[in-house]
């Protein structure tokens, strides 16, 4: 999909963008534009929009773009970056424990002040829960203030709105989530056959049995030993918090 999306983006989408840019320049310069057959092709199709999502070219430009949109909260980006570094460092130390031979040295080192910074990185996850709730609330209220003034929604419309919000989030998260589960299942099955190290977490065993819990975002409701990808508990908790937040926000606007 990445290859197909990138090829479509470079040879089709970029050409359409250049045509649109030329049309806008001509309009600004008040130059008369004659209608040409095939001009409607400049409009991007739904399939084209889907392919652009997989484009390495466009996504790379977005990742390295330092310009912020006017409707964003700049300070949140700094909090997310520092938190991400903290959590990655903590998880690196956590999973290295399976490969360290000197367990006594590891146990003694864990009592130092510096080690506590990494060992307690799980607290940083709470910050992401806070930011997630903040952004959902901020954009929901910002989007609904003017719309509700124009046309108040009925109870049935509110229920439909709730399911639409949940379905959109499910569609946004699940494809990449499914790919991660599949890749983890395949890679850990391979490592289990060739690696000399023993991993305490066994995704190759749990994911084959309990993968459906991840797709329903309920795997955090079960024991650690039966979880497929233990760290994915965050996604389930975040989805559950999102549903609660969405319900409360909809109730607050009734």
C-alpha atoms as a PDB file:
ATOM      1  CA  UNK A   1       0.000   0.000   0.000  1.00  0.00           C
ATOM      2  CA  UNK A   2       2.903   2.357   0.745  1.00  0.00           C
ATOM      3  CA  UNK A   3       4.383   1.756  -2.718  1.00  0.00           C
ATOM      4  CA  UNK A   4       1.026   2.165  -4.473  1.00  0.00           C
ATOM      5  CA  UNK A   5       0.144   5.270  -2.448  1.00  0.00           C
ATOM      6  CA  UNK A   6       3.535   6.877  -3.087  1.00  0.00           C
ATOM      7  CA  UNK A   7       3.389   6.212  -6.845  1.00  0.00           C
ATOM      8  CA  UNK A   8      -0.140   7.640  -7.026  1.00  0.00           C
ATOM      9  CA  UNK A   9       0.902  10.664  -4.997  1.00  0.00           C
ATOM     10  CA  UNK A  10       3.957  11.523  -7.102  1.00  0.00           C
ATOM     11  CA  UNK A  11       2.566  10.887 -10.580  1.00  0.00           C
ATOM     12  CA  UNK A  12      -1.109  11.808 -10.127  1.00  0.00           C
ATOM     13  CA  UNK A  13      -1.777  13.796  -6.967  1.00  0.00           C
ATOM     14  CA  UNK A  14       1.181  16.169  -7.264  1.00  0.00           C
ATOM     15  CA  UNK A  15       0.200  16.911 -10.859  1.00  0.00           C
ATOM     16  CA  UNK A  16      -3.335  17.743  -9.727  1.00  0.00           C
ATOM     17  CA  UNK A  17      -2.001  19.972  -6.956  1.00  0.00           C
ATOM     18  CA  UNK A  18       0.144  21.870  -9.452  1.00  0.00           C
ATOM     19  CA  UNK A  19      -2.896  22.381 -11.699  1.00  0.00           C
ATOM     20  CA  UNK A  20      -4.902  23.705  -8.764  1.00  0.00           C
ATOM     21  CA  UNK A  21      -2.047  26.020  -7.819  1.00  0.00           C
ATOM     22  CA  UNK A  22      -1.834  27.386 -11.363  1.00  0.00           C
ATOM     23  CA  UNK A  23      -5.598  27.968 -11.406  1.00  0.00           C
ATOM     24  CA  UNK A  24      -5.417  29.851  -8.104  1.00  0.00           C
ATOM     25  CA  UNK A  25      -2.534  31.983  -9.378  1.00  0.00           C
ATOM     26  CA  UNK A  26      -4.467  32.826 -12.516  1.00  0.00           C
ATOM     27  CA  UNK A  27      -7.526  33.756 -10.471  1.00  0.00           C
ATOM     28  CA  UNK A  28      -5.475  36.053  -8.268  1.00  0.00           C
ATOM     29  CA  UNK A  29      -3.990  37.730 -11.300  1.00  0.00           C
ATOM     30  CA  UNK A  30      -7.524  38.130 -12.712  1.00  0.00           C
ATOM     31  CA  UNK A  31      -6.590  36.199 -15.846  1.00  0.00           C
ATOM     32  CA  UNK A  32      -9.541  34.710 -17.648  1.00  0.00           C
ATOM     33  CA  UNK A  33      -9.529  30.921 -17.459  1.00  0.00           C
ATOM     34  CA  UNK A  34     -11.135  28.995 -20.248  1.00  0.00           C
ATOM     35  CA  UNK A  35     -12.939  25.807 -19.423  1.00  0.00           C
ATOM     36  CA  UNK A  36     -11.008  22.806 -20.621  1.00  0.00           C
ATOM     37  CA  UNK A  37     -12.247  19.288 -20.938  1.00  0.00           C
ATOM     38  CA  UNK A  38     -10.975  17.160 -18.095  1.00  0.00           C
ATOM     39  CA  UNK A  39     -10.747  19.964 -15.579  1.00  0.00           C
ATOM     40  CA  UNK A  40     -12.985  17.981 -13.242  1.00  0.00           C
ATOM     41  CA  UNK A  41     -10.179  15.426 -12.898  1.00  0.00           C
ATOM     42  CA  UNK A  42      -8.407  17.912 -10.660  1.00  0.00           C
ATOM     43  CA  UNK A  43     -10.911  17.044  -7.982  1.00  0.00           C
ATOM     44  CA  UNK A  44      -9.490  14.289  -5.831  1.00  0.00           C
ATOM     45  CA  UNK A  45     -11.541  11.104  -5.557  1.00  0.00           C
ATOM     46  CA  UNK A  46     -12.226   9.239  -2.319  1.00  0.00           C
ATOM     47  CA  UNK A  47      -9.959   6.401  -3.420  1.00  0.00           C
ATOM     48  CA  UNK A  48      -7.242   8.954  -4.133  1.00  0.00           C
ATOM     49  CA  UNK A  49      -7.578  10.377  -0.630  1.00  0.00           C
ATOM     50  CA  UNK A  50      -7.226   6.863   0.804  1.00  0.00           C
ATOM     51  CA  UNK A  51      -4.094   6.187  -1.239  1.00  0.00           C
ATOM     52  CA  UNK A  52      -2.538   9.479  -0.116  1.00  0.00           C
ATOM     53  CA  UNK A  53      -2.793   8.239   3.481  1.00  0.00           C
ATOM     54  CA  UNK A  54      -0.181   5.577   2.609  1.00  0.00           C
ATOM     55  CA  UNK A  55       2.108   7.870   0.616  1.00  0.00           C
ATOM     56  CA  UNK A  56       5.649   7.975   1.981  1.00  0.00           C
ATOM     57  CA  UNK A  57       6.232  11.280   0.165  1.00  0.00           C
ATOM     58  CA  UNK A  58       3.311  13.219   1.665  1.00  0.00           C
ATOM     59  CA  UNK A  59       3.615  11.665   5.114  1.00  0.00           C
ATOM     60  CA  UNK A  60       7.326  12.492   5.263  1.00  0.00           C
ATOM     61  CA  UNK A  61       6.537  16.121   4.422  1.00  0.00           C
ATOM     62  CA  UNK A  62       3.884  16.203   7.151  1.00  0.00           C
ATOM     63  CA  UNK A  63       6.193  14.640   9.762  1.00  0.00           C
ATOM     64  CA  UNK A  64       9.011  17.110   9.138  1.00  0.00           C
ATOM     65  CA  UNK A  65       6.747  20.132   8.736  1.00  0.00           C
ATOM     66  CA  UNK A  66       7.361  22.513  11.647  1.00  0.00           C
ATOM     67  CA  UNK A  67       4.505  24.897  10.868  1.00  0.00           C
ATOM     68  CA  UNK A  68       1.576  24.723  13.288  1.00  0.00           C
ATOM     69  CA  UNK A  69      -2.064  25.141  12.388  1.00  0.00           C
ATOM     70  CA  UNK A  70      -3.885  28.093  13.884  1.00  0.00           C
ATOM     71  CA  UNK A  71      -6.318  25.852  15.779  1.00  0.00           C
ATOM     72  CA  UNK A  72      -3.619  23.892  17.636  1.00  0.00           C
ATOM     73  CA  UNK A  73      -2.327  24.410  21.180  1.00  0.00           C
ATOM     74  CA  UNK A  74       1.487  24.732  20.770  1.00  0.00           C
ATOM     75  CA  UNK A  75       2.471  23.816  24.332  1.00  0.00           C
ATOM     76  CA  UNK A  76       0.882  20.372  23.965  1.00  0.00           C
ATOM     77  CA  UNK A  77       3.438  19.371  21.322  1.00  0.00           C
ATOM     78  CA  UNK A  78       6.282  19.979  23.775  1.00  0.00           C
ATOM     79  CA  UNK A  79       4.565  17.989  26.515  1.00  0.00           C
ATOM     80  CA  UNK A  80       3.925  15.090  24.128  1.00  0.00           C
ATOM     81  CA  UNK A  81       7.544  15.047  22.931  1.00  0.00           C
ATOM     82  CA  UNK A  82       9.094  15.054  26.415  1.00  0.00           C
ATOM     83  CA  UNK A  83       6.621  12.451  27.593  1.00  0.00           C
ATOM     84  CA  UNK A  84       7.333  10.249  24.583  1.00  0.00           C
ATOM     85  CA  UNK A  85      11.090  10.346  25.274  1.00  0.00           C
ATOM     86  CA  UNK A  86      10.461   9.450  28.919  1.00  0.00           C
ATOM     87  CA  UNK A  87       8.217   6.488  28.101  1.00  0.00           C
ATOM     88  CA  UNK A  88      10.528   5.143  25.372  1.00  0.00           C
ATOM     89  CA  UNK A  89      13.487   5.280  27.755  1.00  0.00           C
ATOM     90  CA  UNK A  90      11.489   3.477  30.442  1.00  0.00           C
ATOM     91  CA  UNK A  91      10.319   0.730  28.088  1.00  0.00           C
ATOM     92  CA  UNK A  92      13.844   0.283  26.747  1.00  0.00           C
ATOM     93  CA  UNK A  93      15.115  -0.452  30.253  1.00  0.00           C
ATOM     94  CA  UNK A  94      12.121  -2.661  31.021  1.00  0.00           C
ATOM     95  CA  UNK A  95      12.563  -4.969  28.030  1.00  0.00           C
ATOM     96  CA  UNK A  96      16.354  -5.047  28.391  1.00  0.00           C
ATOM     97  CA  UNK A  97      15.845  -6.845  31.705  1.00  0.00           C
ATOM     98  CA  UNK A  98      15.256 -10.083  29.772  1.00  0.00           C
ATOM     99  CA  UNK A  99      18.789  -9.964  28.335  1.00  0.00           C
ATOM    100  CA  UNK A 100      20.871  -8.807  31.318  1.00  0.00           C
ATOM    101  CA  UNK A 101      23.011 -11.563  32.872  1.00  0.00           C
ATOM    102  CA  UNK A 102      23.989  -9.825  36.105  1.00  0.00           C
ATOM    103  CA  UNK A 103      20.627  -9.753  37.865  1.00  0.00           C
ATOM    104  CA  UNK A 104      22.167  -8.734  41.192  1.00  0.00           C
ATOM    105  CA  UNK A 105      23.755  -5.618  39.689  1.00  0.00           C
ATOM    106  CA  UNK A 106      20.462  -4.790  37.988  1.00  0.00           C
ATOM    107  CA  UNK A 107      18.560  -5.108  41.264  1.00  0.00           C
ATOM    108  CA  UNK A 108      21.047  -2.867  43.127  1.00  0.00           C
ATOM    109  CA  UNK A 109      21.093  -0.294  40.340  1.00  0.00           C
ATOM    110  CA  UNK A 110      17.317  -0.049  40.408  1.00  0.00           C
ATOM    111  CA  UNK A 111      17.519   1.625  43.833  1.00  0.00           C
ATOM    112  CA  UNK A 112      19.469   4.638  42.560  1.00  0.00           C
ATOM    113  CA  UNK A 113      17.809   7.993  41.946  1.00  0.00           C
ATOM    114  CA  UNK A 114      18.576   7.952  38.215  1.00  0.00           C
ATOM    115  CA  UNK A 115      16.996   4.518  37.844  1.00  0.00           C
ATOM    116  CA  UNK A 116      13.818   5.727  39.502  1.00  0.00           C
ATOM    117  CA  UNK A 117      13.336   8.229  36.696  1.00  0.00           C
ATOM    118  CA  UNK A 118      13.185   5.390  34.173  1.00  0.00           C
ATOM    119  CA  UNK A 119      11.381   2.869  36.369  1.00  0.00           C
ATOM    120  CA  UNK A 120       8.551   5.324  37.006  1.00  0.00           C
ATOM    121  CA  UNK A 121       8.103   6.358  33.388  1.00  0.00           C
ATOM    122  CA  UNK A 122       4.726   4.602  33.376  1.00  0.00           C
ATOM    123  CA  UNK A 123       3.387   7.661  35.207  1.00  0.00           C
ATOM    124  CA  UNK A 124       3.870   9.570  31.966  1.00  0.00           C
ATOM    125  CA  UNK A 125       1.028   7.577  30.424  1.00  0.00           C
ATOM    126  CA  UNK A 126      -1.379   9.515  32.657  1.00  0.00           C
ATOM    127  CA  UNK A 127      -0.263  12.670  30.881  1.00  0.00           C
ATOM    128  CA  UNK A 128      -1.385  11.202  27.568  1.00  0.00           C
ATOM    129  CA  UNK A 129      -4.762  10.324  29.042  1.00  0.00           C
ATOM    130  CA  UNK A 130      -5.089  13.925  30.199  1.00  0.00           C
ATOM    131  CA  UNK A 131      -4.049  15.351  26.830  1.00  0.00           C
ATOM    132  CA  UNK A 132      -6.374  12.997  24.979  1.00  0.00           C
ATOM    133  CA  UNK A 133      -9.356  14.087  27.063  1.00  0.00           C
ATOM    134  CA  UNK A 134      -8.361  17.743  26.779  1.00  0.00           C
ATOM    135  CA  UNK A 135      -8.102  17.673  22.987  1.00  0.00           C
ATOM    136  CA  UNK A 136     -11.320  15.696  22.513  1.00  0.00           C
ATOM    137  CA  UNK A 137     -13.193  18.176  24.691  1.00  0.00           C
ATOM    138  CA  UNK A 138     -11.550  21.231  23.117  1.00  0.00           C
ATOM    139  CA  UNK A 139     -12.268  20.291  19.503  1.00  0.00           C
ATOM    140  CA  UNK A 140     -15.750  18.958  20.247  1.00  0.00           C
ATOM    141  CA  UNK A 141     -16.864  22.155  21.970  1.00  0.00           C
ATOM    142  CA  UNK A 142     -15.158  24.301  19.344  1.00  0.00           C
ATOM    143  CA  UNK A 143     -16.956  22.427  16.570  1.00  0.00           C
ATOM    144  CA  UNK A 144     -20.355  22.336  18.259  1.00  0.00           C
ATOM    145  CA  UNK A 145     -20.764  25.873  19.589  1.00  0.00           C
ATOM    146  CA  UNK A 146     -21.786  27.436  16.283  1.00  0.00           C
ATOM    147  CA  UNK A 147     -23.576  24.376  14.880  1.00  0.00           C
ATOM    148  CA  UNK A 148     -25.868  23.935  17.872  1.00  0.00           C
ATOM    149  CA  UNK A 149     -26.867  27.595  17.715  1.00  0.00           C
ATOM    150  CA  UNK A 150     -28.025  27.136  14.148  1.00  0.00           C
ATOM    151  CA  UNK A 151     -29.867  23.840  14.512  1.00  0.00           C
ATOM    152  CA  UNK A 152     -30.395  22.063  17.864  1.00  0.00           C
ATOM    153  CA  UNK A 153     -30.089  18.282  17.643  1.00  0.00           C
ATOM    154  CA  UNK A 154     -32.674  15.754  18.798  1.00  0.00           C
ATOM    155  CA  UNK A 155     -32.075  12.845  21.168  1.00  0.00           C
ATOM    156  CA  UNK A 156     -31.881  10.429  18.254  1.00  0.00           C
ATOM    157  CA  UNK A 157     -29.341  12.645  16.516  1.00  0.00           C
ATOM    158  CA  UNK A 158     -27.246  12.720  19.681  1.00  0.00           C
ATOM    159  CA  UNK A 159     -27.207   8.923  19.849  1.00  0.00           C
ATOM    160  CA  UNK A 160     -26.190   8.746  16.192  1.00  0.00           C
ATOM    161  CA  UNK A 161     -23.490  11.309  16.851  1.00  0.00           C
ATOM    162  CA  UNK A 162     -22.052   9.166  19.645  1.00  0.00           C
ATOM    163  CA  UNK A 163     -21.793   6.088  17.447  1.00  0.00           C
ATOM    164  CA  UNK A 164     -20.322   8.116  14.587  1.00  0.00           C
ATOM    165  CA  UNK A 165     -17.592   9.467  16.878  1.00  0.00           C
ATOM    166  CA  UNK A 166     -16.752   5.985  18.156  1.00  0.00           C
ATOM    167  CA  UNK A 167     -16.792   4.400  14.689  1.00  0.00           C
ATOM    168  CA  UNK A 168     -14.534   7.115  13.265  1.00  0.00           C
ATOM    169  CA  UNK A 169     -12.011   6.613  16.041  1.00  0.00           C
ATOM    170  CA  UNK A 170     -12.199   2.834  15.603  1.00  0.00           C
ATOM    171  CA  UNK A 171     -11.520   3.151  11.867  1.00  0.00           C
ATOM    172  CA  UNK A 172      -8.659   5.592  12.498  1.00  0.00           C
ATOM    173  CA  UNK A 173      -6.866   3.353  15.016  1.00  0.00           C
ATOM    174  CA  UNK A 174      -7.663  -0.216  14.025  1.00  0.00           C
ATOM    175  CA  UNK A 175      -5.898  -0.718  10.628  1.00  0.00           C
ATOM    176  CA  UNK A 176      -2.469   0.165  12.036  1.00  0.00           C
ATOM    177  CA  UNK A 177      -3.311  -1.781  15.199  1.00  0.00           C
ATOM    178  CA  UNK A 178      -4.156  -4.915  13.187  1.00  0.00           C
ATOM    179  CA  UNK A 179      -0.900  -4.593  11.246  1.00  0.00           C
ATOM    180  CA  UNK A 180       1.045  -4.317  14.516  1.00  0.00           C
ATOM    181  CA  UNK A 181      -0.586  -7.445  15.951  1.00  0.00           C
ATOM    182  CA  UNK A 182       0.121  -9.433  12.773  1.00  0.00           C
ATOM    183  CA  UNK A 183       3.749  -8.295  12.548  1.00  0.00           C
ATOM    184  CA  UNK A 184       4.293  -9.049  16.252  1.00  0.00           C
ATOM    185  CA  UNK A 185       2.765 -12.509  15.868  1.00  0.00           C
ATOM    186  CA  UNK A 186       5.017 -13.354  12.930  1.00  0.00           C
ATOM    187  CA  UNK A 187       8.230 -11.810  14.259  1.00  0.00           C
ATOM    188  CA  UNK A 188       7.993 -13.246  17.784  1.00  0.00           C
ATOM    189  CA  UNK A 189       7.140 -16.694  16.392  1.00  0.00           C
ATOM    190  CA  UNK A 190      10.317 -16.483  14.328  1.00  0.00           C
ATOM    191  CA  UNK A 191      12.430 -15.200  17.243  1.00  0.00           C
ATOM    192  CA  UNK A 192      11.136 -18.005  19.445  1.00  0.00           C
ATOM    193  CA  UNK A 193      12.586 -20.554  17.029  1.00  0.00           C
ATOM    194  CA  UNK A 194      15.997 -18.989  16.389  1.00  0.00           C
ATOM    195  CA  UNK A 195      16.779 -16.851  19.455  1.00  0.00           C
ATOM    196  CA  UNK A 196      18.748 -18.100  22.462  1.00  0.00           C
ATOM    197  CA  UNK A 197      17.010 -15.625  24.766  1.00  0.00           C
ATOM    198  CA  UNK A 198      13.822 -16.404  26.619  1.00  0.00           C
ATOM    199  CA  UNK A 199      11.205 -13.654  26.653  1.00  0.00           C
ATOM    200  CA  UNK A 200       8.853 -13.531  29.615  1.00  0.00           C
ATOM    201  CA  UNK A 201       6.153 -12.019  27.438  1.00  0.00           C
ATOM    202  CA  UNK A 202       4.945 -14.516  24.832  1.00  0.00           C
ATOM    203  CA  UNK A 203       3.044 -12.676  22.068  1.00  0.00           C
ATOM    204  CA  UNK A 204       3.382 -15.660  19.737  1.00  0.00           C
ATOM    205  CA  UNK A 205       1.235 -17.663  22.160  1.00  0.00           C
ATOM    206  CA  UNK A 206      -1.226 -15.077  23.455  1.00  0.00           C
ATOM    207  CA  UNK A 207      -1.937 -13.206  20.209  1.00  0.00           C
ATOM    208  CA  UNK A 208      -2.981 -16.362  18.381  1.00  0.00           C
ATOM    209  CA  UNK A 209      -5.631 -16.987  21.056  1.00  0.00           C
ATOM    210  CA  UNK A 210      -6.727 -13.553  22.241  1.00  0.00           C
ATOM    211  CA  UNK A 211      -6.174 -11.212  19.285  1.00  0.00           C
ATOM    212  CA  UNK A 212      -9.914 -10.475  19.133  1.00  0.00           C
ATOM    213  CA  UNK A 213      -9.741  -8.776  22.536  1.00  0.00           C
ATOM    214  CA  UNK A 214      -7.362  -6.214  21.076  1.00  0.00           C
ATOM    215  CA  UNK A 215      -9.668  -5.476  18.157  1.00  0.00           C
ATOM    216  CA  UNK A 216     -12.578  -4.954  20.557  1.00  0.00           C
ATOM    217  CA  UNK A 217     -10.341  -2.789  22.787  1.00  0.00           C
ATOM    218  CA  UNK A 218     -11.081  -4.834  25.913  1.00  0.00           C
ATOM    219  CA  UNK A 219      -7.740  -6.619  26.446  1.00  0.00           C
ATOM    220  CA  UNK A 220      -6.969  -4.435  29.469  1.00  0.00           C
ATOM    221  CA  UNK A 221      -9.865  -6.080  31.310  1.00  0.00           C
ATOM    222  CA  UNK A 222      -8.035  -9.428  31.457  1.00  0.00           C
ATOM    223  CA  UNK A 223      -4.950 -10.682  33.295  1.00  0.00           C
ATOM    224  CA  UNK A 224      -1.435  -9.839  32.135  1.00  0.00           C
ATOM    225  CA  UNK A 225      -0.631 -13.457  31.236  1.00  0.00           C
ATOM    226  CA  UNK A 226      -3.481 -13.616  28.721  1.00  0.00           C
ATOM    227  CA  UNK A 227      -2.880 -10.248  27.059  1.00  0.00           C
ATOM    228  CA  UNK A 228      -1.750 -10.004  23.459  1.00  0.00           C
ATOM    229  CA  UNK A 229       0.957  -7.298  23.487  1.00  0.00           C
ATOM    230  CA  UNK A 230       0.776  -6.188  27.111  1.00  0.00           C
ATOM    231  CA  UNK A 231       1.704  -2.595  26.305  1.00  0.00           C
ATOM    232  CA  UNK A 232      -1.420  -2.275  24.119  1.00  0.00           C
ATOM    233  CA  UNK A 233      -3.517  -1.933  27.284  1.00  0.00           C
ATOM    234  CA  UNK A 234      -3.145   1.810  26.759  1.00  0.00           C
ATOM    235  CA  UNK A 235      -5.089   1.770  23.484  1.00  0.00           C
ATOM    236  CA  UNK A 236      -7.952  -0.129  25.096  1.00  0.00           C
ATOM    237  CA  UNK A 237      -8.051   2.223  28.073  1.00  0.00           C
ATOM    238  CA  UNK A 238      -7.843   5.253  25.805  1.00  0.00           C
ATOM    239  CA  UNK A 239     -10.724   3.980  23.655  1.00  0.00           C
ATOM    240  CA  UNK A 240     -12.844   3.336  26.750  1.00  0.00           C
ATOM    241  CA  UNK A 241     -12.066   6.793  28.137  1.00  0.00           C
ATOM    242  CA  UNK A 242     -12.918   8.279  24.744  1.00  0.00           C
ATOM    243  CA  UNK A 243     -16.346   6.630  24.763  1.00  0.00           C
ATOM    244  CA  UNK A 244     -17.046   7.928  28.270  1.00  0.00           C
ATOM    245  CA  UNK A 245     -15.824  11.420  27.340  1.00  0.00           C
ATOM    246  CA  UNK A 246     -17.880  11.479  24.134  1.00  0.00           C
ATOM    247  CA  UNK A 247     -21.013  10.434  26.028  1.00  0.00           C
ATOM    248  CA  UNK A 248     -20.492  13.134  28.671  1.00  0.00           C
ATOM    249  CA  UNK A 249     -19.837  15.816  26.051  1.00  0.00           C
ATOM    250  CA  UNK A 250     -22.966  14.896  24.109  1.00  0.00           C
ATOM    251  CA  UNK A 251     -25.034  14.934  27.299  1.00  0.00           C
ATOM    252  CA  UNK A 252     -23.611  18.348  28.186  1.00  0.00           C
ATOM    253  CA  UNK A 253     -24.889  19.833  24.909  1.00  0.00           C
ATOM    254  CA  UNK A 254     -28.440  18.500  25.177  1.00  0.00           C
END
